[in-house]
Protein backbone atom coordinates (compact mmCIF):
# COMPACT_ATOMS: atom_id res chain seq x y z
CA UNK A 1 -0.33 0.27 0.09
CA UNK A 2 1.16 3.60 -0.54
CA UNK A 3 0.44 6.60 1.54
CA UNK A 4 -0.91 9.95 0.78
CA UNK A 5 -0.57 12.99 3.40
CA UNK A 6 -2.65 15.83 1.05
CA UNK A 7 -1.40 19.43 2.76
CA UNK A 8 -2.27 21.94 0.34
CA UNK A 9 -5.34 25.13 1.03
CA UNK A 10 -4.87 28.68 1.74
CA UNK A 11 -5.56 28.05 5.37
CA UNK A 12 -7.62 31.22 5.29
CA UNK A 13 -9.16 30.27 9.06
CA UNK A 14 -5.93 30.54 10.54
CA UNK A 15 -5.40 33.96 9.20
CA UNK A 16 -3.11 36.12 10.31
CA UNK A 17 -0.49 33.35 10.53
CA UNK A 18 -1.22 30.98 6.88
CA UNK A 19 -0.58 35.22 5.66
CA UNK A 20 3.42 33.71 5.67
CA UNK A 21 3.15 29.74 5.62
CA UNK A 22 1.28 26.71 4.65
CA UNK A 23 -0.98 25.78 7.68
CA UNK A 24 0.48 22.38 7.62
CA UNK A 25 3.20 23.49 8.88
CA UNK A 26 1.95 25.21 11.80
CA UNK A 27 2.98 23.61 15.07
CA UNK A 28 0.71 21.53 17.14
CA UNK A 29 2.20 21.08 20.40
CA UNK A 30 5.80 20.48 20.00
CA UNK A 31 6.16 19.51 16.17
CA UNK A 32 5.18 21.24 12.88
CA UNK A 33 1.40 19.73 12.23
CA UNK A 34 2.53 17.41 8.76
CA UNK A 35 4.45 15.47 11.81
CA UNK A 36 0.94 13.80 12.54
CA UNK A 37 0.19 12.14 9.17
CA UNK A 38 3.31 11.06 8.64
CA UNK A 39 3.71 9.37 11.72
CA UNK A 40 0.61 7.75 11.60
CA UNK A 41 1.42 5.80 8.26
CA UNK A 42 4.88 4.78 9.36
CA UNK A 43 2.88 3.74 12.40
CA UNK A 44 0.71 1.41 9.94
CA UNK A 45 3.59 -0.13 7.83
CA UNK A 46 3.59 2.36 4.87
CA UNK A 47 7.08 3.79 3.83
CA UNK A 48 6.05 5.20 0.52
CA UNK A 49 4.58 8.75 1.00
CA UNK A 50 3.68 11.08 -1.46
CA UNK A 51 3.53 14.92 0.31
CA UNK A 52 0.76 16.96 -1.96
CA UNK A 53 1.09 20.76 -1.17
CA UNK A 54 1.24 23.88 -3.13
CA UNK A 55 0.79 27.72 -2.90
CA UNK A 56 3.76 29.50 -2.40
CA UNK A 57 5.57 27.94 0.79
CA UNK A 58 5.77 23.84 -0.65
CA UNK A 59 9.47 24.19 -0.75
CA UNK A 60 9.42 24.22 2.56
CA UNK A 61 8.31 20.69 3.06
CA UNK A 62 10.90 19.67 1.42
CA UNK A 63 13.19 22.02 3.30
CA UNK A 64 11.60 20.70 6.73
CA UNK A 65 10.66 17.28 5.80
CA UNK A 66 13.94 16.11 3.82
CA UNK A 67 14.04 12.74 2.49
CA UNK A 68 11.95 12.07 5.87
CA UNK A 69 14.87 10.26 7.46
CA UNK A 70 13.43 12.08 10.83
CA UNK A 71 10.53 9.39 10.35
CA UNK A 72 13.06 6.40 9.77
CA UNK A 73 12.10 6.56 5.65
CA UNK A 74 15.09 6.47 2.70
CA UNK A 75 12.73 8.58 1.29
CA UNK A 76 9.66 10.85 0.88
CA UNK A 77 7.99 11.88 -2.95
CA UNK A 78 6.50 15.52 -3.22
CA UNK A 79 3.35 16.57 -5.78
CA UNK A 80 2.83 19.59 -6.73
CA UNK A 81 -1.16 21.38 -6.60
CA UNK A 82 -1.66 24.44 -8.45
CA UNK A 83 -4.77 26.34 -7.68
CA UNK A 84 -7.67 25.22 -4.80
CA UNK A 85 -9.51 22.30 -6.54
CA UNK A 86 -10.48 20.10 -3.73
CA UNK A 87 -9.02 17.42 -1.48
CA UNK A 88 -10.48 14.76 -4.61
CA UNK A 89 -8.49 16.64 -7.82
CA UNK A 90 -5.04 17.05 -4.98
CA UNK A 91 -5.66 12.56 -4.17
CA UNK A 92 -5.72 12.68 -8.40
CA UNK A 93 -2.27 13.75 -8.49
CA UNK A 94 -1.42 10.86 -6.55
CA UNK A 95 -2.43 8.64 -9.43
CA UNK A 96 2.15 7.44 -10.55
CA UNK A 97 2.79 7.55 -7.02
CA UNK A 98 0.29 5.06 -6.16
CA UNK A 99 1.07 2.71 -9.66
CA UNK A 100 -1.60 1.08 -8.88
CA UNK A 101 -1.61 -0.20 -5.26
CA UNK A 102 -4.43 0.80 -2.55
CA UNK A 103 -3.75 3.50 -1.18
CA UNK A 104 -4.22 5.22 2.38
CA UNK A 105 -4.53 9.20 2.62
CA UNK A 106 -4.96 11.27 5.33
CA UNK A 107 -5.35 14.86 5.48
CA UNK A 108 -2.68 17.04 6.53
CA UNK A 109 -4.38 18.41 9.51
CA UNK A 110 -5.96 16.04 11.13
CA UNK A 111 -4.70 14.00 14.27
CA UNK A 112 -5.47 10.75 15.96
CA UNK A 113 -5.07 9.64 19.65
CA UNK A 114 -4.61 5.68 18.44
CA UNK A 115 -2.89 4.64 15.72
CA UNK A 116 -4.97 3.39 12.00
CA UNK A 117 -3.07 0.93 11.75
CA UNK A 118 -5.27 -2.19 12.37
CA UNK A 119 -7.75 -0.70 10.47
CA UNK A 120 -4.85 -0.08 7.26
CA UNK A 121 -4.07 -4.02 8.07
CA UNK A 122 -8.29 -5.37 7.16
CA UNK A 123 -7.65 -2.99 3.74
CA UNK A 124 -4.72 -4.46 3.02
CA UNK A 125 -6.89 -7.71 3.44
CA UNK A 126 -9.27 -6.97 1.79
CA UNK A 127 -8.13 -4.27 -0.62
CA UNK A 128 -10.85 -3.71 -2.92
CA UNK A 129 -13.45 -0.14 -2.84
CA UNK A 130 -13.56 1.86 -0.23
CA UNK A 131 -13.30 2.28 3.68
CA UNK A 132 -14.11 5.07 5.71
CA UNK A 133 -13.05 6.06 9.66
CA UNK A 134 -16.13 7.80 11.42
CA UNK A 135 -15.71 9.71 14.08
CA UNK A 136 -18.76 11.42 16.76
CA UNK A 137 -18.59 14.79 17.13
CA UNK A 138 -20.57 17.78 18.98
CA UNK A 139 -19.62 19.91 15.56
CA UNK A 140 -20.86 17.45 12.71
CA UNK A 141 -22.11 20.05 10.11
CA UNK A 142 -18.56 21.10 9.64
CA UNK A 143 -17.69 18.33 7.90
CA UNK A 144 -19.19 14.95 5.91
CA UNK A 145 -21.47 13.48 7.56
CA UNK A 146 -22.01 9.30 7.46
CA UNK A 147 -25.26 7.88 8.39
CA UNK A 148 -25.43 3.73 9.28
CA UNK A 149 -28.21 1.97 8.79
CA UNK A 150 -28.00 -1.89 10.12
CA UNK A 151 -23.78 -1.12 10.51
CA UNK A 152 -23.59 0.21 6.81
CA UNK A 153 -22.85 3.52 5.70
CA UNK A 154 -26.28 4.67 3.37
CA UNK A 155 -25.51 8.22 3.16
CA UNK A 156 -23.03 10.91 3.28
CA UNK A 157 -23.85 14.47 2.87
CA UNK A 158 -21.16 16.90 3.02
CA UNK A 159 -21.45 20.25 5.53
CA UNK A 160 -25.05 19.07 6.21
CA UNK A 161 -26.77 22.36 7.85
CA UNK A 162 -29.55 19.80 9.83
CA UNK A 163 -27.19 16.76 10.25
CA UNK A 164 -28.61 13.44 10.00
CA UNK A 165 -26.05 11.99 12.70
CA UNK A 166 -23.61 12.95 14.54
CA UNK A 167 -21.03 10.60 12.67
CA UNK A 168 -18.28 12.85 10.91
CA UNK A 169 -16.10 11.41 7.96
CA UNK A 170 -12.24 12.15 9.14
CA UNK A 171 -9.44 13.13 7.49
CA UNK A 172 -8.81 8.86 6.74
CA UNK A 173 -9.56 7.53 3.74
CA UNK A 174 -8.67 4.08 2.08
CA UNK A 175 -9.31 3.48 -1.80
CA UNK A 176 -9.04 0.53 -4.64
CA UNK A 177 -7.22 2.13 -7.60
CA UNK A 178 -10.10 2.61 -8.96
CA UNK A 179 -10.42 5.96 -6.87
CA UNK A 180 -8.08 7.96 -10.25
CA UNK A 181 -11.23 6.59 -12.51
CA UNK A 182 -13.43 8.00 -10.41
CA UNK A 183 -11.97 11.37 -9.79
CA UNK A 184 -12.00 11.89 -13.55
CA UNK A 185 -15.67 11.46 -13.87
CA UNK A 186 -16.23 14.55 -11.13
CA UNK A 187 -18.27 17.43 -12.04
CA UNK A 188 -17.19 20.23 -10.04
CA UNK A 189 -19.17 21.53 -6.73
CA UNK A 190 -21.08 24.71 -5.95
CA UNK A 191 -17.69 25.25 -4.63
CA UNK A 192 -16.08 24.98 -7.70
CA UNK A 193 -13.96 21.78 -6.54
CA UNK A 194 -13.87 18.28 -6.48
CA UNK A 195 -15.51 16.98 -3.56
CA UNK A 196 -14.27 13.84 -1.63
CA UNK A 197 -17.48 13.11 -0.77
CA UNK A 198 -18.56 12.88 -4.66
CA UNK A 199 -15.94 10.23 -4.26
CA UNK A 200 -16.95 8.32 -1.23
CA UNK A 201 -20.47 8.33 -2.26
CA UNK A 202 -19.75 6.79 -5.99
CA UNK A 203 -18.01 3.74 -3.91
CA UNK A 204 -21.42 4.18 -1.71
CA UNK A 205 -23.12 3.66 -4.78
CA UNK A 206 -21.21 0.25 -6.11
CA UNK A 207 -21.73 -1.60 -2.42
CA UNK A 208 -17.92 -1.19 -2.08
CA UNK A 209 -17.58 1.24 0.99
CA UNK A 210 -17.19 -0.18 4.46
CA UNK A 211 -16.10 1.84 7.21
CA UNK A 212 -14.64 2.06 11.07
CA UNK A 213 -15.61 4.30 14.27
CA UNK A 214 -12.90 5.40 15.77
CA UNK A 215 -12.35 5.27 19.33
CA UNK A 216 -9.97 7.25 20.67
CA UNK A 217 -10.00 11.38 20.43
CA UNK A 218 -9.43 12.72 16.64
CA UNK A 219 -9.41 16.28 15.88
CA UNK A 220 -9.10 18.53 12.85
CA UNK A 221 -6.82 21.81 13.39
CA UNK A 222 -7.59 23.92 10.71
CA UNK A 223 -9.34 26.49 12.61
CA UNK A 224 -7.96 28.44 15.45
CA UNK A 225 -10.13 26.97 18.06
CA UNK A 226 -8.93 23.16 16.76
CA UNK A 227 -5.94 24.18 16.27
CA UNK A 228 -6.18 24.96 20.14
CA UNK A 229 -7.17 21.94 21.51
CA UNK A 230 -5.26 19.47 19.10
CA UNK A 231 -2.22 21.37 20.72
CA UNK A 232 -4.07 20.76 23.89
CA UNK A 233 -4.88 16.92 23.42
CA UNK A 234 -1.34 15.72 22.59
CA UNK A 235 0.01 17.94 25.65
CA UNK A 236 -1.92 15.66 27.57
CA UNK A 237 -1.01 12.77 26.28
CA UNK A 238 2.43 12.52 25.81
CA UNK A 239 3.20 8.48 26.36
CA UNK A 240 1.50 7.79 22.74
CA UNK A 241 4.55 6.90 20.32
CA UNK A 242 1.63 7.63 17.84
CA UNK A 243 1.81 11.53 18.57
CA UNK A 244 5.65 11.33 19.68
CA UNK A 245 7.00 9.38 16.70
CA UNK A 246 8.38 7.48 18.77
CA UNK A 247 9.11 4.18 17.21
CA UNK A 248 10.31 5.86 13.67
CA UNK A 249 12.94 7.24 15.63
CA UNK A 250 12.21 11.08 15.81
CA UNK A 251 14.68 13.02 16.17
CA UNK A 252 14.30 14.81 19.65
CA UNK A 253 11.18 12.58 20.74
C-alpha cells in the first residue's frame, strides 16, 4: 500500500498566521502539524509516502521534511497542486505514485490519538472498494456526515445544515485503484472543487464502502479553536508513541 498526505489549501481560517506559511507547517504542541499524519502512516507500516501541497510555501516542506529520515524513511515523494481544486483533485495527483496499488490518504490537518494500523491492516487484507474512519463529534455540520443503518453507511452529506447523525467522516480514506477513474469522472461542486464526498458516495453507490468508528480522540487543526484543542490533546498524551513518533525514531523524541 502507498500513503498520501494532502497538505495544500490556503488555510484562510487560520489567518493571519497563514499569511506567511502553509497551515500544515504550523506547530501542534512540539512539532509541525504535518508530522502527525506522516507518523500515523509510518506506524501503520507504510513506507512509500507522497506529500501533496501547493502555494507559495511548497518548498518549505522539502526543507523541513527532507528525505524523511526523521521518520525512519529512506525517502519522501512530493507533488504540487496548482490552485485550490479540492481534496479529490489533490488526490488525483497521486495516481502515478499509487502505481495501481491501494492508497491510504490522510488530510494533513487531522490528528488521531490511536494508531490507524488495525484499519490499514484490514484494508490491506481486503484491498477492494473504499474504507472510511468515522467519529462521533459535537459539531458534525463542519464535516461530511455519515448515516449508518444496519452497520452500513447509507448516506454521506457534506457539511449539512441539519445533520442526520453525529458521525463525521474523518480525514482518513482508503481506496483501491479505481479511485483515480472516479476522480476523472467528477464534476466541480458549487464551490468549484472536486469533492471527496462525491468520491465516497460513488463507492457507496457501488456497494463497496466499508467503515470503522474511531474510539480514541480525533480532531482537525484547521481552525483557531481546533488548532488550540489539538495542541492540548497532544500535550496531555505524551506517552503515546503515535503522537511522539517514538517508534520511527524521531530526532528529539
